[in-house]
Protein backbone atom coordinates (compact mmCIF):
# COMPACT_ATOMS: atom_id res chain seq x y z
CA UNK A 1 192.07 71.35 77.75
CA UNK A 2 192.39 75.18 78.72
CA UNK A 3 192.01 74.05 81.86
CA UNK A 4 195.13 71.63 81.86
CA UNK A 5 197.05 73.80 80.42
CA UNK A 6 196.62 76.95 82.41
CA UNK A 7 196.93 74.85 85.93
CA UNK A 8 199.60 72.65 84.74
CA UNK A 9 201.72 76.05 83.19
CA UNK A 10 201.04 77.69 86.90
CA UNK A 11 202.02 74.45 88.39
CA UNK A 12 205.64 74.33 86.46
CA UNK A 13 205.85 78.02 86.88
CA UNK A 14 205.45 78.23 90.56
CA UNK A 15 208.50 76.44 91.26
CA UNK A 16 210.76 75.07 88.19
CA UNK A 17 213.33 73.32 89.88
CA UNK A 18 211.25 70.72 91.09
CA UNK A 19 211.05 67.28 89.81
CA UNK A 20 207.44 66.71 90.89
CA UNK A 21 206.09 70.13 89.59
CA UNK A 22 207.55 69.51 85.95
CA UNK A 23 206.11 66.01 86.17
CA UNK A 24 203.02 67.31 87.20
CA UNK A 25 203.60 69.87 83.69
CA UNK A 26 203.94 67.47 81.16
CA UNK A 27 201.25 65.40 82.70
CA UNK A 28 198.70 68.15 82.52
CA UNK A 29 199.92 68.75 79.01
CA UNK A 30 198.63 65.23 77.79
CA UNK A 31 195.38 65.66 79.34
CA UNK A 32 195.19 68.76 77.09
CA UNK A 33 196.46 67.12 74.28
CA UNK A 34 193.83 64.77 75.03
CA UNK A 35 191.12 67.22 75.70
CA UNK A 36 191.85 69.08 72.90
CA UNK A 37 191.75 65.96 70.10
CA UNK A 38 188.66 65.02 71.83
CA UNK A 39 186.94 68.24 70.75
CA UNK A 40 188.05 68.60 67.10
CA UNK A 41 186.84 64.80 66.58
CA UNK A 42 183.46 65.53 68.27
CA UNK A 43 182.81 68.12 65.81
CA UNK A 44 184.21 66.65 62.39
CA UNK A 45 182.14 66.52 59.81
CA UNK A 46 183.30 63.54 57.95
CA UNK A 47 184.99 60.38 58.63
CA UNK A 48 188.95 60.83 57.79
CA UNK A 49 188.73 63.85 59.85
CA UNK A 50 187.45 62.25 62.48
CA UNK A 51 189.14 59.26 62.26
CA UNK A 52 192.26 61.35 62.07
CA UNK A 53 191.41 63.24 65.30
CA UNK A 54 190.70 59.96 67.25
CA UNK A 55 194.20 58.93 66.31
CA UNK A 56 195.42 62.19 67.62
CA UNK A 57 193.44 62.44 71.27
CA UNK A 58 194.20 58.44 71.57
CA UNK A 59 197.98 59.71 71.38
CA UNK A 60 197.58 61.89 74.42
CA UNK A 61 195.77 59.21 76.35
CA UNK A 62 198.54 56.57 75.85
CA UNK A 63 201.06 58.98 77.79
CA UNK A 64 198.34 60.59 80.64
CA UNK A 65 198.60 56.88 82.77
CA UNK A 66 202.62 56.87 82.30
CA UNK A 67 203.07 60.63 83.00
CA UNK A 68 200.44 60.73 85.87
CA UNK A 69 202.96 57.98 87.34
CA UNK A 70 206.41 59.56 86.51
CA UNK A 71 204.57 62.72 88.55
CA UNK A 72 203.55 60.74 91.42
CA UNK A 73 207.29 58.71 91.42
CA UNK A 74 208.48 62.31 91.33
CA UNK A 75 206.27 63.46 94.42
CA UNK A 76 206.55 60.45 96.52
CA UNK A 77 210.50 59.96 95.53
CA UNK A 78 209.38 56.39 95.28
CA UNK A 79 212.60 53.39 94.98
CA UNK A 80 214.04 51.73 92.20
CA UNK A 81 211.36 49.58 91.59
CA UNK A 82 208.57 51.75 90.80
CA UNK A 83 211.75 53.68 88.47
CA UNK A 84 211.57 50.10 86.59
CA UNK A 85 207.91 49.80 86.16
CA UNK A 86 208.20 53.00 84.75
CA UNK A 87 210.84 52.29 82.32
CA UNK A 88 208.61 49.83 81.34
CA UNK A 89 205.66 52.42 80.45
CA UNK A 90 207.82 54.74 78.49
CA UNK A 91 209.44 51.72 76.52
CA UNK A 92 205.64 50.30 76.08
CA UNK A 93 204.54 53.99 74.65
CA UNK A 94 206.24 54.07 71.51
CA UNK A 95 205.00 50.58 70.79
CA UNK A 96 200.89 51.89 71.35
CA UNK A 97 201.62 55.38 69.53
CA UNK A 98 203.09 53.63 66.48
CA UNK A 99 200.14 51.12 66.15
CA UNK A 100 197.76 54.22 66.94
CA UNK A 101 198.87 56.59 64.19
CA UNK A 102 200.10 54.30 61.80
CA UNK A 103 198.10 51.13 62.06
CA UNK A 104 194.69 49.86 62.13
CA UNK A 105 195.29 47.83 64.78
CA UNK A 106 194.27 50.10 67.21
CA UNK A 107 191.57 51.86 66.28
CA UNK A 108 189.65 49.46 63.61
CA UNK A 109 187.11 51.94 62.30
CA UNK A 110 184.20 54.58 63.18
CA UNK A 111 180.98 53.36 63.43
CA UNK A 112 177.48 55.39 64.58
CA UNK A 113 177.57 54.34 68.37
CA UNK A 114 174.24 56.33 70.76
CA UNK A 115 174.06 59.69 69.25
CA UNK A 116 177.75 59.80 68.63
CA UNK A 117 178.22 59.66 64.61
CA UNK A 118 182.10 58.61 64.48
CA UNK A 119 182.87 56.19 67.55
CA UNK A 120 186.12 54.40 67.51
CA UNK A 121 185.89 50.71 67.43
CA UNK A 122 188.77 48.94 69.53
CA UNK A 123 191.97 47.04 66.90
CA UNK A 124 193.79 44.03 68.73
CA UNK A 125 196.35 46.17 69.91
CA UNK A 126 193.77 48.59 71.81
CA UNK A 127 192.71 45.08 74.15
CA UNK A 128 196.80 45.41 76.21
CA UNK A 129 196.53 49.28 75.94
CA UNK A 130 193.65 49.40 78.24
CA UNK A 131 195.09 46.73 80.70
CA UNK A 132 198.65 48.56 80.81
CA UNK A 133 196.55 51.84 81.55
CA UNK A 134 194.58 50.99 84.78
CA UNK A 135 197.56 48.45 86.03
CA UNK A 136 199.84 52.12 85.85
CA UNK A 137 196.95 53.98 87.51
CA UNK A 138 196.44 51.06 90.13
CA UNK A 139 199.90 51.01 90.70
CA UNK A 140 200.35 54.67 91.32
CA UNK A 141 197.52 54.47 93.95
CA UNK A 142 199.32 51.75 95.71
CA UNK A 143 202.13 53.89 96.03
CA UNK A 144 200.52 56.57 97.42
CA UNK A 145 198.47 54.78 99.95
CA UNK A 146 201.88 53.20 100.80
CA UNK A 147 203.37 56.45 101.35
CA UNK A 148 200.63 57.59 103.44
CA UNK A 149 201.13 54.75 105.82
CA UNK A 150 203.85 56.90 107.20
CA UNK A 151 203.30 60.36 106.01
CA UNK A 152 203.03 63.60 108.29
CA UNK A 153 200.35 65.77 108.18
CA UNK A 154 200.34 68.39 105.47
CA UNK A 155 202.05 65.11 103.73
CA UNK A 156 198.77 63.32 104.42
CA UNK A 157 196.61 65.57 103.25
CA UNK A 158 198.87 66.25 100.23
CA UNK A 159 198.42 62.21 99.24
CA UNK A 160 194.46 62.25 100.28
CA UNK A 161 193.68 65.44 97.09
CA UNK A 162 195.45 64.16 94.31
CA UNK A 163 194.50 60.38 95.27
CA UNK A 164 190.62 61.77 95.84
CA UNK A 165 191.06 64.04 92.61
CA UNK A 166 192.74 61.07 90.54
CA UNK A 167 189.83 58.38 91.65
CA UNK A 168 186.86 60.96 90.72
CA UNK A 169 189.10 62.07 87.05
CA UNK A 170 190.14 58.58 86.24
CA UNK A 171 186.77 57.02 87.17
CA UNK A 172 185.17 59.79 84.94
CA UNK A 173 187.63 59.18 82.19
CA UNK A 174 187.21 55.64 81.99
CA UNK A 175 183.24 56.19 81.02
CA UNK A 176 185.03 56.75 77.60
CA UNK A 177 185.81 53.18 77.32
CA UNK A 178 182.40 51.87 77.77
CA UNK A 179 181.48 52.88 73.88
CA UNK A 180 184.89 51.18 72.73
CA UNK A 181 183.05 47.63 73.57
CA UNK A 182 179.64 48.26 72.23
CA UNK A 183 178.51 48.97 75.79
CA UNK A 184 175.79 51.74 75.58
CA UNK A 185 176.70 53.98 78.47
CA UNK A 186 178.17 57.84 77.26
CA UNK A 187 180.86 59.46 78.48
CA UNK A 188 179.05 61.26 80.87
CA UNK A 189 181.96 61.84 83.48
CA UNK A 190 184.61 63.61 81.61
CA UNK A 191 184.07 67.10 83.50
CA UNK A 192 185.44 65.24 86.11
CA UNK A 193 188.92 65.46 84.08
CA UNK A 194 188.70 69.14 85.24
CA UNK A 195 188.02 68.38 89.00
CA UNK A 196 190.83 65.93 89.25
CA UNK A 197 193.46 68.11 87.30
CA UNK A 198 192.86 70.49 89.85
CA UNK A 199 192.88 68.78 92.86
CA UNK A 200 196.48 67.47 91.95
CA UNK A 201 197.46 71.00 91.05
CA UNK A 202 196.04 72.15 94.09
CA UNK A 203 198.04 69.47 96.07
CA UNK A 204 201.73 70.04 94.14
CA UNK A 205 202.34 73.72 94.62
CA UNK A 206 204.52 74.09 97.35
CA UNK A 207 204.03 72.38 99.81
CA UNK A 208 201.27 74.17 102.16
CA UNK A 209 197.65 73.30 100.68
CA UNK A 210 196.32 77.06 100.61
CA UNK A 211 198.99 78.70 98.77
CA UNK A 212 196.87 77.40 95.36
CA UNK A 213 194.32 79.15 96.59
CA UNK A 214 195.57 82.52 95.30
CA UNK A 215 196.12 80.30 91.64
CA UNK A 216 192.36 79.34 91.89
CA UNK A 217 191.26 82.93 92.56
CA UNK A 218 193.65 84.06 89.72
CA UNK A 219 192.44 81.49 87.47
CA UNK A 220 188.81 82.34 87.79
CA UNK A 221 189.42 86.06 87.55
CA UNK A 222 191.65 85.48 84.03
CA UNK A 223 188.28 83.37 82.58
CA UNK A 224 185.86 86.07 83.60
CA UNK A 225 187.90 89.02 82.84
CA UNK A 226 188.24 86.51 78.88
CA UNK A 227 184.45 86.72 78.57
CA UNK A 228 184.10 89.73 79.38
CA UNK A 229 186.67 90.83 76.61
CA UNK A 230 184.90 88.69 74.28
CA UNK A 231 181.42 90.56 75.05
CA UNK A 232 183.14 93.88 74.34
CA UNK A 233 184.80 93.00 71.07
CA UNK A 234 181.16 91.70 69.61
CA UNK A 235 179.21 95.18 71.14
CA UNK A 236 177.90 96.71 67.74
CA UNK A 237 177.08 100.25 68.93
CA UNK A 238 179.10 102.69 70.84
CA UNK A 239 176.87 102.34 73.58
CA UNK A 240 177.54 98.73 74.07
CA UNK A 241 181.10 99.34 74.18
CA UNK A 242 180.65 102.07 76.56
CA UNK A 243 178.88 100.24 78.94
CA UNK A 244 180.53 96.83 78.49
CA UNK A 245 184.30 98.27 78.68
CA UNK A 246 182.94 100.07 81.91
CA UNK A 247 181.84 96.45 82.96
CA UNK A 248 185.23 94.75 82.35
CA UNK A 249 186.87 97.93 83.87
CA UNK A 250 185.01 97.42 86.89
CA UNK A 251 185.78 93.84 87.24
CA UNK A 252 189.71 94.36 86.45
CA UNK A 253 189.67 96.87 89.32
CA UNK A 254 187.58 94.49 91.48
CA UNK A 255 189.38 91.23 90.92
CA UNK A 256 192.97 92.94 91.12
CA UNK A 257 191.79 94.12 94.96
CA UNK A 258 190.52 90.46 95.83
CA UNK A 259 193.94 88.97 94.34
CA UNK A 260 195.64 91.43 96.20
CA UNK A 261 193.38 90.29 99.62
CA UNK A 262 193.49 86.63 98.85
CA UNK A 263 197.53 87.15 98.58
CA UNK A 264 197.91 88.83 102.31
CA UNK A 265 195.57 86.38 103.93
CA UNK A 266 197.60 83.63 102.57
CA UNK A 267 200.61 85.30 103.72
CA UNK A 268 199.01 85.61 106.71
CA UNK A 269 198.03 82.30 106.96
CA UNK A 270 201.73 80.57 105.98
CA UNK A 271 203.20 83.41 108.98
CA UNK A 272 200.82 81.58 111.35
CA UNK A 273 201.54 78.24 110.00
CA UNK A 274 205.31 79.02 110.52
CA UNK A 275 204.91 80.40 114.07
CA UNK A 276 203.45 77.46 115.07
CA UNK A 277 205.62 75.22 113.79
CA UNK A 278 208.51 76.93 116.11
CA UNK A 279 205.62 77.10 118.76
CA UNK A 280 205.60 73.04 118.80
CA UNK A 281 209.46 73.33 118.00
CA UNK A 282 209.74 74.97 121.78
CA UNK A 283 207.00 72.81 123.55
CA UNK A 284 209.59 69.73 122.10
CA UNK A 285 212.27 71.59 123.50
CA UNK A 286 210.96 72.64 126.58
CA UNK A 287 209.61 69.24 127.61
CA UNK A 288 212.66 67.80 126.61
CA UNK A 289 214.07 70.74 129.44
CA UNK A 290 211.94 69.42 131.77
CA UNK A 291 212.48 65.69 131.77
CA UNK A 292 216.15 66.63 132.21
CA UNK A 293 215.97 69.00 134.86
CA UNK A 294 213.65 65.57 136.55
CA UNK A 295 216.74 63.45 135.71
CA UNK A 296 219.08 65.33 136.91
CA UNK A 297 217.00 65.92 140.60
CA UNK A 298 216.49 62.42 140.85
CA UNK A 299 220.76 61.33 140.12
CA UNK A 300 221.67 63.98 142.80
CA UNK A 301 219.09 62.76 145.33
CA UNK A 302 220.47 59.26 144.84
CA UNK A 303 223.82 60.70 145.03
CA UNK A 304 222.97 62.09 148.07
CA UNK A 305 221.33 59.60 149.91
CA UNK A 306 224.20 57.20 149.41
CA UNK A 307 226.99 58.80 151.39
CA UNK A 308 223.88 59.95 154.18
CA UNK A 309 223.31 56.29 154.60
CA UNK A 310 226.57 55.32 154.78
CA UNK A 311 226.61 57.35 158.11
């Protein structure tokens, strides 16, 4: 939940004018909502509390595939047919949300499954939801594959990151559905959700993939700083305060220097990419000039030979 929220915020704030960034922010927020509800459901002590959180985290799960498809359509700038399918998804979402939050037709109840005391059982409305869940995902992958065929190099790399990330994430997240149907396979793939949100964020931010390196370094530095701050607050003696405070201060200084160095490295790489692009254009222009020169000499030679032949 924390990872999805932070990455969604970073991507959204990196360029608020881009439609794809906005859609990714909403998609990451839905994953964060699902993850937070999932956490509170797992630590619930009684049936009613667990059922409430199960309904809430499934509300996030209902929105995830639709917002993911909307993000893909915005990212690829897909056509009218894709937007008709998206409109159908948004029309179906309130239907599933109503049955999830206010009836027993989406979640019929909770029972003990493996080590989980309050695992949901599917209601009759859950089955069409699951069908549409995978339908939207597979259609999104189809759009990515279609665009990959004609995309330029940088765009292809972005699409590959998004596809690989979502393949890992949705396959990992889909391990939650086995226990719904009594198949004794635990949700072992949940940790991969972090991977796929991170990989999509890596591909989205700006148009250069290595720009996200700065974001990840900032994220790592912030996470470690938070942990060190918690350790500092948990100190019980003046000596512990002094030692942990010094460690935190030293890390903040080193973290700042690390971020600055990475930012400089990215700026240099961006300049190299820009110069490489300009050099490629210059080479193309030079080839065109050489070709024009060759054509001119050929025509001129022909025009000279013709009167000589007449003479």
